[in-house]
Amino acid sequence: MIIEDNTMVSLRYLVKNKHGDVIDNIMDNKPIEYLHGAGKILPELEEAVKGLKTGDKKSIIIENQVMANITEQLFIDVVIDDVRAALPEELLIAKPIQKADDNGCGEGCCCG
């Protein structure tokens, strides 16, 4: 399955500035998951990953991104971990539904 509107995407990324300084790095962590087309990530990044599929990697340059009142050129390395059809409930809330763990508990559960 390819990334298109109304797909759930799991990805990891490394973000650097033009000097090579690491701004954010989740390559060795749990991926983020988002509903593609819902505007939950940088619009330029969302457009750049459209059409990719699970296992794809891409290097992206985003020009003049404003973060904390600083205009910055961003260099982003992205790894696509998973692409799947969004569930009807996920389309309604425009975000992933938290999956239960081995105990049947989801995020915010009082187990344990």
PDB file of N, CA and C in Angstrom:
ATOM      1  N   MET A   1       0.848  -1.173   0.000  1.00  0.00           N
ATOM      2  CA  MET A   1       0.000   0.000   0.000  1.00  0.00           C
ATOM      3  C   MET A   1       0.898   1.241   0.000  1.00  0.00           C
ATOM      4  N   ILE A   2       0.494   2.241  -0.751  1.00  0.00           N
ATOM      5  CA  ILE A   2       1.269   3.483  -0.804  1.00  0.00           C
ATOM      6  C   ILE A   2       0.613   4.550   0.067  1.00  0.00           C
ATOM      7  N   ILE A   3       1.407   5.535   0.443  1.00  0.00           N
ATOM      8  CA  ILE A   3       0.900   6.644   1.246  1.00  0.00           C
ATOM      9  C   ILE A   3       0.043   7.540   0.360  1.00  0.00           C
ATOM     10  N   GLU A   4      -1.188   7.705   0.783  1.00  0.00           N
ATOM     11  CA  GLU A   4      -2.124   8.620   0.137  1.00  0.00           C
ATOM     12  C   GLU A   4      -3.094   9.087   1.211  1.00  0.00           C
ATOM     13  N   ASP A   5      -3.969  10.023   0.885  1.00  0.00           N
ATOM     14  CA  ASP A   5      -4.927  10.506   1.862  1.00  0.00           C
ATOM     15  C   ASP A   5      -5.705   9.337   2.463  1.00  0.00           C
ATOM     16  N   ASN A   6      -5.996   9.462   3.745  1.00  0.00           N
ATOM     17  CA  ASN A   6      -6.764   8.480   4.504  1.00  0.00           C
ATOM     18  C   ASN A   6      -6.046   7.161   4.729  1.00  0.00           C
ATOM     19  N   THR A   7      -4.699   7.204   4.711  1.00  0.00           N
ATOM     20  CA  THR A   7      -3.914   6.053   5.144  1.00  0.00           C
ATOM     21  C   THR A   7      -3.229   6.420   6.453  1.00  0.00           C
ATOM     22  N   MET A   8      -3.035   5.416   7.300  1.00  0.00           N
ATOM     23  CA  MET A   8      -2.282   5.614   8.534  1.00  0.00           C
ATOM     24  C   MET A   8      -0.828   5.308   8.220  1.00  0.00           C
ATOM     25  N   VAL A   9       0.044   6.218   8.599  1.00  0.00           N
ATOM     26  CA  VAL A   9       1.463   6.104   8.281  1.00  0.00           C
ATOM     27  C   VAL A   9       2.265   6.077   9.574  1.00  0.00           C
ATOM     28  N   SER A  10       3.183   5.128   9.679  1.00  0.00           N
ATOM     29  CA  SER A  10       4.152   5.083  10.773  1.00  0.00           C
ATOM     30  C   SER A  10       5.506   5.391  10.162  1.00  0.00           C
ATOM     31  N   LEU A  11       6.186   6.392  10.722  1.00  0.00           N
ATOM     32  CA  LEU A  11       7.502   6.748  10.191  1.00  0.00           C
ATOM     33  C   LEU A  11       8.431   7.206  11.284  1.00  0.00           C
ATOM     34  N   ARG A  12       9.729   7.076  10.987  1.00  0.00           N
ATOM     35  CA  ARG A  12      10.788   7.595  11.851  1.00  0.00           C
ATOM     36  C   ARG A  12      11.557   8.629  11.050  1.00  0.00           C
ATOM     37  N   TYR A  13      12.196   9.558  11.749  1.00  0.00           N
ATOM     38  CA  TYR A  13      12.891  10.629  11.042  1.00  0.00           C
ATOM     39  C   TYR A  13      14.092  11.149  11.815  1.00  0.00           C
ATOM     40  N   LEU A  14      14.959  11.818  11.066  1.00  0.00           N
ATOM     41  CA  LEU A  14      16.111  12.549  11.591  1.00  0.00           C
ATOM     42  C   LEU A  14      16.068  13.916  10.929  1.00  0.00           C
ATOM     43  N   VAL A  15      16.057  14.977  11.747  1.00  0.00           N
ATOM     44  CA  VAL A  15      15.982  16.346  11.228  1.00  0.00           C
ATOM     45  C   VAL A  15      17.268  17.078  11.589  1.00  0.00           C
ATOM     46  N   LYS A  16      17.896  17.682  10.570  1.00  0.00           N
ATOM     47  CA  LYS A  16      19.106  18.486  10.774  1.00  0.00           C
ATOM     48  C   LYS A  16      18.903  19.865  10.160  1.00  0.00           C
ATOM     49  N   ASN A  17      19.666  20.841  10.676  1.00  0.00           N
ATOM     50  CA  ASN A  17      19.653  22.167  10.058  1.00  0.00           C
ATOM     51  C   ASN A  17      20.760  22.236   9.009  1.00  0.00           C
ATOM     52  N   LYS A  18      20.910  23.393   8.372  1.00  0.00           N
ATOM     53  CA  LYS A  18      21.885  23.525   7.280  1.00  0.00           C
ATOM     54  C   LYS A  18      23.330  23.374   7.743  1.00  0.00           C
ATOM     55  N   HIS A  19      23.562  23.470   9.072  1.00  0.00           N
ATOM     56  CA  HIS A  19      24.911  23.307   9.614  1.00  0.00           C
ATOM     57  C   HIS A  19      25.198  21.860  10.007  1.00  0.00           C
ATOM     58  N   GLY A  20      24.178  20.989   9.861  1.00  0.00           N
ATOM     59  CA  GLY A  20      24.339  19.587  10.218  1.00  0.00           C
ATOM     60  C   GLY A  20      24.007  19.282  11.666  1.00  0.00           C
ATOM     61  N   ASP A  21      23.542  20.302  12.408  1.00  0.00           N
ATOM     62  CA  ASP A  21      23.153  20.085  13.799  1.00  0.00           C
ATOM     63  C   ASP A  21      21.840  19.302  13.843  1.00  0.00           C
ATOM     64  N   VAL A  22      21.786  18.281  14.685  1.00  0.00           N
ATOM     65  CA  VAL A  22      20.569  17.481  14.824  1.00  0.00           C
ATOM     66  C   VAL A  22      19.542  18.274  15.623  1.00  0.00           C
ATOM     67  N   ILE A  23      18.373  18.459  15.037  1.00  0.00           N
ATOM     68  CA  ILE A  23      17.272  19.164  15.691  1.00  0.00           C
ATOM     69  C   ILE A  23      16.352  18.162  16.380  1.00  0.00           C
ATOM     70  N   ASP A  24      16.098  17.042  15.712  1.00  0.00           N
ATOM     71  CA  ASP A  24      15.237  15.998  16.268  1.00  0.00           C
ATOM     72  C   ASP A  24      15.616  14.674  15.618  1.00  0.00           C
ATOM     73  N   ASN A  25      15.616  13.602  16.427  1.00  0.00           N
ATOM     74  CA  ASN A  25      16.005  12.295  15.916  1.00  0.00           C
ATOM     75  C   ASN A  25      15.193  11.218  16.622  1.00  0.00           C
ATOM     76  N   ILE A  26      14.327  10.526  15.876  1.00  0.00           N
ATOM     77  CA  ILE A  26      13.592   9.397  16.449  1.00  0.00           C
ATOM     78  C   ILE A  26      13.890   8.114  15.671  1.00  0.00           C
ATOM     79  N   MET A  27      15.014   8.073  14.978  1.00  0.00           N
ATOM     80  CA  MET A  27      15.362   6.895  14.177  1.00  0.00           C
ATOM     81  C   MET A  27      15.479   5.630  15.023  1.00  0.00           C
ATOM     82  N   ASP A  28      15.939   5.745  16.254  1.00  0.00           N
ATOM     83  CA  ASP A  28      16.114   4.575  17.112  1.00  0.00           C
ATOM     84  C   ASP A  28      14.977   4.421  18.113  1.00  0.00           C
ATOM     85  N   ASN A  29      13.903   5.177  17.931  1.00  0.00           N
ATOM     86  CA  ASN A  29      12.770   5.148  18.847  1.00  0.00           C
ATOM     87  C   ASN A  29      11.525   4.636  18.153  1.00  0.00           C
ATOM     88  N   LYS A  30      10.444   4.621  18.880  1.00  0.00           N
ATOM     89  CA  LYS A  30       9.148   4.234  18.337  1.00  0.00           C
ATOM     90  C   LYS A  30       8.735   5.242  17.263  1.00  0.00           C
ATOM     91  N   PRO A  31       8.216   4.762  16.139  1.00  0.00           N
ATOM     92  CA  PRO A  31       7.812   5.703  15.080  1.00  0.00           C
ATOM     93  C   PRO A  31       6.579   6.519  15.480  1.00  0.00           C
ATOM     94  N   ILE A  32       6.414   7.661  14.814  1.00  0.00           N
ATOM     95  CA  ILE A  32       5.177   8.406  14.974  1.00  0.00           C
ATOM     96  C   ILE A  32       4.160   7.796  14.015  1.00  0.00           C
ATOM     97  N   GLU A  33       2.899   7.925  14.346  1.00  0.00           N
ATOM     98  CA  GLU A  33       1.844   7.437  13.476  1.00  0.00           C
ATOM     99  C   GLU A  33       0.854   8.579  13.280  1.00  0.00           C
ATOM    100  N   TYR A  34       0.446   8.796  12.034  1.00  0.00           N
ATOM    101  CA  TYR A  34      -0.473   9.892  11.741  1.00  0.00           C
ATOM    102  C   TYR A  34      -1.394   9.516  10.585  1.00  0.00           C
ATOM    103  N   LEU A  35      -2.507  10.242  10.480  1.00  0.00           N
ATOM    104  CA  LEU A  35      -3.435  10.062   9.374  1.00  0.00           C
ATOM    105  C   LEU A  35      -2.999  10.980   8.247  1.00  0.00           C
ATOM    106  N   HIS A  36      -2.600  10.390   7.127  1.00  0.00           N
ATOM    107  CA  HIS A  36      -2.119  11.185   6.008  1.00  0.00           C
ATOM    108  C   HIS A  36      -3.268  11.988   5.390  1.00  0.00           C
ATOM    109  N   GLY A  37      -3.016  13.262   5.164  1.00  0.00           N
ATOM    110  CA  GLY A  37      -4.020  14.149   4.594  1.00  0.00           C
ATOM    111  C   GLY A  37      -4.794  14.941   5.633  1.00  0.00           C
ATOM    112  N   ALA A  38      -4.538  14.675   6.914  1.00  0.00           N
ATOM    113  CA  ALA A  38      -5.265  15.356   7.982  1.00  0.00           C
ATOM    114  C   ALA A  38      -4.554  16.618   8.473  1.00  0.00           C
ATOM    115  N   GLY A  39      -3.372  16.913   7.905  1.00  0.00           N
ATOM    116  CA  GLY A  39      -2.657  18.126   8.290  1.00  0.00           C
ATOM    117  C   GLY A  39      -2.015  18.059   9.663  1.00  0.00           C
ATOM    118  N   LYS A  40      -1.649  16.871  10.112  1.00  0.00           N
ATOM    119  CA  LYS A  40      -1.072  16.696  11.447  1.00  0.00           C
ATOM    120  C   LYS A  40       0.451  16.796  11.474  1.00  0.00           C
ATOM    121  N   ILE A  41       1.093  16.841  10.300  1.00  0.00           N
ATOM    122  CA  ILE A  41       2.541  17.011  10.224  1.00  0.00           C
ATOM    123  C   ILE A  41       2.827  18.186   9.291  1.00  0.00           C
ATOM    124  N   LEU A  42       4.087  18.578   9.174  1.00  0.00           N
ATOM    125  CA  LEU A  42       4.449  19.670   8.276  1.00  0.00           C
ATOM    126  C   LEU A  42       3.887  19.412   6.884  1.00  0.00           C
ATOM    127  N   PRO A  43       3.191  20.373   6.289  1.00  0.00           N
ATOM    128  CA  PRO A  43       2.607  20.158   4.963  1.00  0.00           C
ATOM    129  C   PRO A  43       3.634  19.731   3.913  1.00  0.00           C
ATOM    130  N   GLU A  44       4.830  20.301   3.964  1.00  0.00           N
ATOM    131  CA  GLU A  44       5.871  19.956   2.999  1.00  0.00           C
ATOM    132  C   GLU A  44       6.338  18.508   3.173  1.00  0.00           C
ATOM    133  N   LEU A  45       6.404  18.058   4.422  1.00  0.00           N
ATOM    134  CA  LEU A  45       6.785  16.673   4.697  1.00  0.00           C
ATOM    135  C   LEU A  45       5.680  15.726   4.247  1.00  0.00           C
ATOM    136  N   GLU A  46       4.436  16.090   4.534  1.00  0.00           N
ATOM    137  CA  GLU A  46       3.306  15.262   4.124  1.00  0.00           C
ATOM    138  C   GLU A  46       3.287  15.088   2.605  1.00  0.00           C
ATOM    139  N   GLU A  47       3.526  16.162   1.879  1.00  0.00           N
ATOM    140  CA  GLU A  47       3.549  16.090   0.413  1.00  0.00           C
ATOM    141  C   GLU A  47       4.731  15.249  -0.071  1.00  0.00           C
ATOM    142  N   ALA A  48       5.883  15.376   0.596  1.00  0.00           N
ATOM    143  CA  ALA A  48       7.096  14.680   0.157  1.00  0.00           C
ATOM    144  C   ALA A  48       7.014  13.165   0.339  1.00  0.00           C
ATOM    145  N   VAL A  49       6.249  12.679   1.316  1.00  0.00           N
ATOM    146  CA  VAL A  49       6.175  11.230   1.538  1.00  0.00           C
ATOM    147  C   VAL A  49       5.017  10.581   0.776  1.00  0.00           C
ATOM    148  N   LYS A  50       4.168  11.386   0.181  1.00  0.00           N
ATOM    149  CA  LYS A  50       3.038  10.845  -0.580  1.00  0.00           C
ATOM    150  C   LYS A  50       3.574   9.920  -1.680  1.00  0.00           C
ATOM    151  N   GLY A  51       2.980   8.744  -1.796  1.00  0.00           N
ATOM    152  CA  GLY A  51       3.392   7.776  -2.811  1.00  0.00           C
ATOM    153  C   GLY A  51       4.427   6.781  -2.335  1.00  0.00           C
ATOM    154  N   LEU A  52       5.030   7.008  -1.154  1.00  0.00           N
ATOM    155  CA  LEU A  52       5.995   6.048  -0.620  1.00  0.00           C
ATOM    156  C   LEU A  52       5.251   4.849  -0.037  1.00  0.00           C
ATOM    157  N   LYS A  53       6.002   3.774   0.224  1.00  0.00           N
ATOM    158  CA  LYS A  53       5.409   2.566   0.803  1.00  0.00           C
ATOM    159  C   LYS A  53       6.304   2.053   1.929  1.00  0.00           C
ATOM    160  N   THR A  54       5.805   1.059   2.653  1.00  0.00           N
ATOM    161  CA  THR A  54       6.541   0.472   3.771  1.00  0.00           C
ATOM    162  C   THR A  54       7.952   0.079   3.326  1.00  0.00           C
ATOM    163  N   GLY A  55       8.924   0.482   4.123  1.00  0.00           N
ATOM    164  CA  GLY A  55      10.326   0.174   3.842  1.00  0.00           C
ATOM    165  C   GLY A  55      11.054   1.248   3.061  1.00  0.00           C
ATOM    166  N   ASP A  56      10.315   2.173   2.462  1.00  0.00           N
ATOM    167  CA  ASP A  56      10.965   3.238   1.693  1.00  0.00           C
ATOM    168  C   ASP A  56      11.696   4.205   2.610  1.00  0.00           C
ATOM    169  N   LYS A  57      12.761   4.791   2.067  1.00  0.00           N
ATOM    170  CA  LYS A  57      13.543   5.826   2.745  1.00  0.00           C
ATOM    171  C   LYS A  57      13.634   7.013   1.805  1.00  0.00           C
ATOM    172  N   LYS A  58      13.660   8.206   2.381  1.00  0.00           N
ATOM    173  CA  LYS A  58      13.753   9.391   1.539  1.00  0.00           C
ATOM    174  C   LYS A  58      14.435  10.513   2.312  1.00  0.00           C
ATOM    175  N   SER A  59      15.249  11.282   1.608  1.00  0.00           N
ATOM    176  CA  SER A  59      15.848  12.499   2.158  1.00  0.00           C
ATOM    177  C   SER A  59      15.116  13.687   1.564  1.00  0.00           C
ATOM    178  N   ILE A  60      14.709  14.593   2.425  1.00  0.00           N
ATOM    179  CA  ILE A  60      13.864  15.717   2.035  1.00  0.00           C
ATOM    180  C   ILE A  60      14.508  17.009   2.514  1.00  0.00           C
ATOM    181  N   ILE A  61      14.443  18.036   1.688  1.00  0.00           N
ATOM    182  CA  ILE A  61      14.876  19.374   2.100  1.00  0.00           C
ATOM    183  C   ILE A  61      13.636  20.249   2.135  1.00  0.00           C
ATOM    184  N   ILE A  62      13.404  20.865   3.277  1.00  0.00           N
ATOM    185  CA  ILE A  62      12.274  21.784   3.424  1.00  0.00           C
ATOM    186  C   ILE A  62      12.845  23.184   3.602  1.00  0.00           C
ATOM    187  N   GLU A  63      12.486  24.055   2.687  1.00  0.00           N
ATOM    188  CA  GLU A  63      13.001  25.420   2.695  1.00  0.00           C
ATOM    189  C   GLU A  63      12.216  26.309   3.656  1.00  0.00           C
ATOM    190  N   ASN A  64      12.922  27.145   4.367  1.00  0.00           N
ATOM    191  CA  ASN A  64      12.342  28.229   5.154  1.00  0.00           C
ATOM    192  C   ASN A  64      11.210  27.816   6.086  1.00  0.00           C
ATOM    193  N   GLN A  65      11.434  26.757   6.848  1.00  0.00           N
ATOM    194  CA  GLN A  65      10.452  26.343   7.849  1.00  0.00           C
ATOM    195  C   GLN A  65      10.609  27.230   9.075  1.00  0.00           C
ATOM    196  N   VAL A  66       9.528  27.796   9.549  1.00  0.00           N
ATOM    197  CA  VAL A  66       9.578  28.649  10.726  1.00  0.00           C
ATOM    198  C   VAL A  66       9.257  27.811  11.960  1.00  0.00           C
ATOM    199  N   MET A  67      10.227  27.768  12.875  1.00  0.00           N
ATOM    200  CA  MET A  67      10.043  27.065  14.145  1.00  0.00           C
ATOM    201  C   MET A  67      10.528  27.977  15.245  1.00  0.00           C
ATOM    202  N   ALA A  68       9.694  28.219  16.235  1.00  0.00           N
ATOM    203  CA  ALA A  68      10.064  29.071  17.374  1.00  0.00           C
ATOM    204  C   ALA A  68      10.627  30.402  16.882  1.00  0.00           C
ATOM    205  N   ASN A  69       9.959  30.989  15.875  1.00  0.00           N
ATOM    206  CA  ASN A  69      10.339  32.293  15.310  1.00  0.00           C
ATOM    207  C   ASN A  69      11.714  32.290  14.648  1.00  0.00           C
ATOM    208  N   ILE A  70      12.218  31.132  14.286  1.00  0.00           N
ATOM    209  CA  ILE A  70      13.487  31.021  13.573  1.00  0.00           C
ATOM    210  C   ILE A  70      13.198  30.430  12.204  1.00  0.00           C
ATOM    211  N   THR A  71      13.632  31.122  11.166  1.00  0.00           N
ATOM    212  CA  THR A  71      13.475  30.576   9.818  1.00  0.00           C
ATOM    213  C   THR A  71      14.657  29.656   9.553  1.00  0.00           C
ATOM    214  N   GLU A  72      14.359  28.421   9.222  1.00  0.00           N
ATOM    215  CA  GLU A  72      15.394  27.400   9.135  1.00  0.00           C
ATOM    216  C   GLU A  72      15.148  26.493   7.929  1.00  0.00           C
ATOM    217  N   GLN A  73      16.213  26.161   7.222  1.00  0.00           N
ATOM    218  CA  GLN A  73      16.141  25.151   6.183  1.00  0.00           C
ATOM    219  C   GLN A  73      16.346  23.807   6.881  1.00  0.00           C
ATOM    220  N   LEU A  74      15.442  22.847   6.632  1.00  0.00           N
ATOM    221  CA  LEU A  74      15.506  21.559   7.305  1.00  0.00           C
ATOM    222  C   LEU A  74      15.882  20.449   6.334  1.00  0.00           C
ATOM    223  N   PHE A  75      16.725  19.555   6.788  1.00  0.00           N
ATOM    224  CA  PHE A  75      17.119  18.365   6.045  1.00  0.00           C
ATOM    225  C   PHE A  75      16.563  17.176   6.831  1.00  0.00           C
ATOM    226  N   ILE A  76      15.637  16.446   6.237  1.00  0.00           N
ATOM    227  CA  ILE A  76      14.933  15.380   6.952  1.00  0.00           C
ATOM    228  C   ILE A  76      15.150  14.048   6.240  1.00  0.00           C
ATOM    229  N   ASP A  77      15.651  13.072   6.991  1.00  0.00           N
ATOM    230  CA  ASP A  77      15.734  11.698   6.516  1.00  0.00           C
ATOM    231  C   ASP A  77      14.556  10.952   7.113  1.00  0.00           C
ATOM    232  N   VAL A  78      13.785  10.281   6.266  1.00  0.00           N
ATOM    233  CA  VAL A  78      12.561   9.609   6.691  1.00  0.00           C
ATOM    234  C   VAL A  78      12.635   8.129   6.334  1.00  0.00           C
ATOM    235  N   VAL A  79      12.156   7.280   7.241  1.00  0.00           N
ATOM    236  CA  VAL A  79      12.002   5.848   6.996  1.00  0.00           C
ATOM    237  C   VAL A  79      10.525   5.527   7.234  1.00  0.00           C
ATOM    238  N   ILE A  80       9.893   4.914   6.249  1.00  0.00           N
ATOM    239  CA  ILE A  80       8.484   4.537   6.372  1.00  0.00           C
ATOM    240  C   ILE A  80       8.416   3.134   6.974  1.00  0.00           C
ATOM    241  N   ASP A  81       7.867   3.030   8.181  1.00  0.00           N
ATOM    242  CA  ASP A  81       7.771   1.740   8.864  1.00  0.00           C
ATOM    243  C   ASP A  81       6.499   0.974   8.500  1.00  0.00           C
ATOM    244  N   ASP A  82       5.410   1.682   8.247  1.00  0.00           N
ATOM    245  CA  ASP A  82       4.160   1.001   7.926  1.00  0.00           C
ATOM    246  C   ASP A  82       3.199   1.966   7.248  1.00  0.00           C
ATOM    247  N   VAL A  83       2.404   1.425   6.341  1.00  0.00           N
ATOM    248  CA  VAL A  83       1.317   2.166   5.692  1.00  0.00           C
ATOM    249  C   VAL A  83       0.128   1.215   5.664  1.00  0.00           C
ATOM    250  N   ARG A  84      -1.007   1.685   6.161  1.00  0.00           N
ATOM    251  CA  ARG A  84      -2.201   0.842   6.171  1.00  0.00           C
ATOM    252  C   ARG A  84      -3.432   1.709   5.967  1.00  0.00           C
ATOM    253  N   ALA A  85      -4.525   1.078   5.593  1.00  0.00           N
ATOM    254  CA  ALA A  85      -5.789   1.795   5.465  1.00  0.00           C
ATOM    255  C   ALA A  85      -6.240   2.243   6.846  1.00  0.00           C
ATOM    256  N   ALA A  86      -6.713   3.464   6.941  1.00  0.00           N
ATOM    257  CA  ALA A  86      -7.228   3.964   8.213  1.00  0.00           C
ATOM    258  C   ALA A  86      -8.561   3.300   8.522  1.00  0.00           C
ATOM    259  N   LEU A  87      -8.773   3.017   9.794  1.00  0.00           N
ATOM    260  CA  LEU A  87     -10.055   2.492  10.246  1.00  0.00           C
ATOM    261  C   LEU A  87     -11.098   3.607  10.197  1.00  0.00           C
ATOM    262  N   PRO A  88     -12.375   3.265  10.059  1.00  0.00           N
ATOM    263  CA  PRO A  88     -13.413   4.310  10.045  1.00  0.00           C
ATOM    264  C   PRO A  88     -13.354   5.227  11.277  1.00  0.00           C
ATOM    265  N   GLU A  89     -13.066   4.647  12.443  1.00  0.00           N
ATOM    266  CA  GLU A  89     -12.962   5.453  13.669  1.00  0.00           C
ATOM    267  C   GLU A  89     -11.797   6.429  13.597  1.00  0.00           C
ATOM    268  N   GLU A  90     -10.700   5.997  12.986  1.00  0.00           N
ATOM    269  CA  GLU A  90      -9.527   6.864  12.854  1.00  0.00           C
ATOM    270  C   GLU A  90      -9.813   8.022  11.904  1.00  0.00           C
ATOM    271  N   LEU A  91     -10.600   7.766  10.867  1.00  0.00           N
ATOM    272  CA  LEU A  91     -10.978   8.842   9.947  1.00  0.00           C
ATOM    273  C   LEU A  91     -11.826   9.888  10.661  1.00  0.00           C
ATOM    274  N   LEU A  92     -12.684   9.439  11.563  1.00  0.00           N
ATOM    275  CA  LEU A  92     -13.544  10.373  12.305  1.00  0.00           C
ATOM    276  C   LEU A  92     -12.756  11.270  13.240  1.00  0.00           C
ATOM    277  N   ILE A  93     -11.760  10.701  13.932  1.00  0.00           N
ATOM    278  CA  ILE A  93     -11.009  11.487  14.910  1.00  0.00           C
ATOM    279  C   ILE A  93      -9.695  12.030  14.351  1.00  0.00           C
ATOM    280  N   ALA A  94      -9.367  11.655  13.126  1.00  0.00           N
ATOM    281  CA  ALA A  94      -8.174  12.131  12.406  1.00  0.00           C
ATOM    282  C   ALA A  94      -6.876  11.829  13.141  1.00  0.00           C
ATOM    283  N   LYS A  95      -6.841  10.693  13.821  1.00  0.00           N
ATOM    284  CA  LYS A  95      -5.611  10.236  14.463  1.00  0.00           C
ATOM    285  C   LYS A  95      -5.715   8.746  14.711  1.00  0.00           C
ATOM    286  N   PRO A  96      -4.577   8.093  14.987  1.00  0.00           N
ATOM    287  CA  PRO A  96      -4.616   6.646  15.204  1.00  0.00           C
ATOM    288  C   PRO A  96      -5.335   6.299  16.500  1.00  0.00           C
ATOM    289  N   ILE A  97      -5.988   5.158  16.485  1.00  0.00           N
ATOM    290  CA  ILE A  97      -6.584   4.631  17.707  1.00  0.00           C
ATOM    291  C   ILE A  97      -5.494   3.880  18.444  1.00  0.00           C
ATOM    292  N   GLN A  98      -5.368   4.143  19.735  1.00  0.00           N
ATOM    293  CA  GLN A  98      -4.327   3.484  20.526  1.00  0.00           C
ATOM    294  C   GLN A  98      -4.599   1.999  20.604  1.00  0.00           C
ATOM    295  N   LYS A  99      -3.576   1.229  20.305  1.00  0.00           N
ATOM    296  CA  LYS A  99      -3.683  -0.220  20.349  1.00  0.00           C
ATOM    297  C   LYS A  99      -3.513  -0.698  21.781  1.00  0.00           C
ATOM    298  N   ALA A 100      -4.196  -1.765  22.125  1.00  0.00           N
ATOM    299  CA  ALA A 100      -4.064  -2.359  23.444  1.00  0.00           C
ATOM    300  C   ALA A 100      -2.732  -3.094  23.553  1.00  0.00           C
ATOM    301  N   ASP A 101      -2.169  -3.122  24.770  1.00  0.00           N
ATOM    302  CA  ASP A 101      -0.939  -3.877  24.983  1.00  0.00           C
ATOM    303  C   ASP A 101      -1.299  -5.334  25.310  1.00  0.00           C
ATOM    304  N   ASP A 102      -0.341  -6.111  25.770  1.00  0.00           N
ATOM    305  CA  ASP A 102      -0.575  -7.527  26.058  1.00  0.00           C
ATOM    306  C   ASP A 102      -1.595  -7.743  27.172  1.00  0.00           C
ATOM    307  N   ASN A 103      -1.807  -6.738  28.025  1.00  0.00           N
ATOM    308  CA  ASN A 103      -2.773  -6.846  29.109  1.00  0.00           C
ATOM    309  C   ASN A 103      -4.163  -6.376  28.688  1.00  0.00           C
ATOM    310  N   GLY A 104      -4.316  -5.954  27.406  1.00  0.00           N
ATOM    311  CA  GLY A 104      -5.595  -5.440  26.951  1.00  0.00           C
ATOM    312  C   GLY A 104      -5.783  -3.978  27.286  1.00  0.00           C
ATOM    313  N   CYS A 105      -4.698  -3.317  27.666  1.00  0.00           N
ATOM    314  CA  CYS A 105      -4.774  -1.923  28.080  1.00  0.00           C
ATOM    315  C   CYS A 105      -4.263  -1.012  26.972  1.00  0.00           C
ATOM    316  N   GLY A 106      -4.919   0.105  26.798  1.00  0.00           N
ATOM    317  CA  GLY A 106      -4.460   1.119  25.863  1.00  0.00           C
ATOM    318  C   GLY A 106      -3.827   2.266  26.627  1.00  0.00           C
ATOM    319  N   GLU A 107      -3.481   3.330  25.911  1.00  0.00           N
ATOM    320  CA  GLU A 107      -2.868   4.493  26.517  1.00  0.00           C
ATOM    321  C   GLU A 107      -3.794   5.076  27.588  1.00  0.00           C
ATOM    322  N   GLY A 108      -3.241   5.424  28.744  1.00  0.00           N
ATOM    323  CA  GLY A 108      -4.027   6.013  29.812  1.00  0.00           C
ATOM    324  C   GLY A 108      -4.736   4.992  30.686  1.00  0.00           C
ATOM    325  N   CYS A 109      -4.486   3.721  30.460  1.00  0.00           N
ATOM    326  CA  CYS A 109      -5.126   2.666  31.237  1.00  0.00           C
ATOM    327  C   CYS A 109      -4.598   2.676  32.663  1.00  0.00           C
ATOM    328  N   CYS A 110      -5.433   2.252  33.578  1.00  0.00           N
ATOM    329  CA  CYS A 110      -5.016   2.262  34.981  1.00  0.00           C
ATOM    330  C   CYS A 110      -4.454   0.918  35.442  1.00  0.00           C
ATOM    331  N   CYS A 111      -4.206  -0.002  34.535  1.00  0.00           N
ATOM    332  CA  CYS A 111      -3.630  -1.297  34.901  1.00  0.00           C
ATOM    333  C   CYS A 111      -2.195  -1.124  35.384  1.00  0.00           C
ATOM    334  N   GLY A 112      -1.730  -2.093  36.077  1.00  0.00           N
ATOM    335  CA  GLY A 112      -0.327  -2.175  36.298  1.00  0.00           C
ATOM    336  C   GLY A 112       0.218  -1.654  37.515  1.00  0.00           C
TER     337      GLY A 112
END
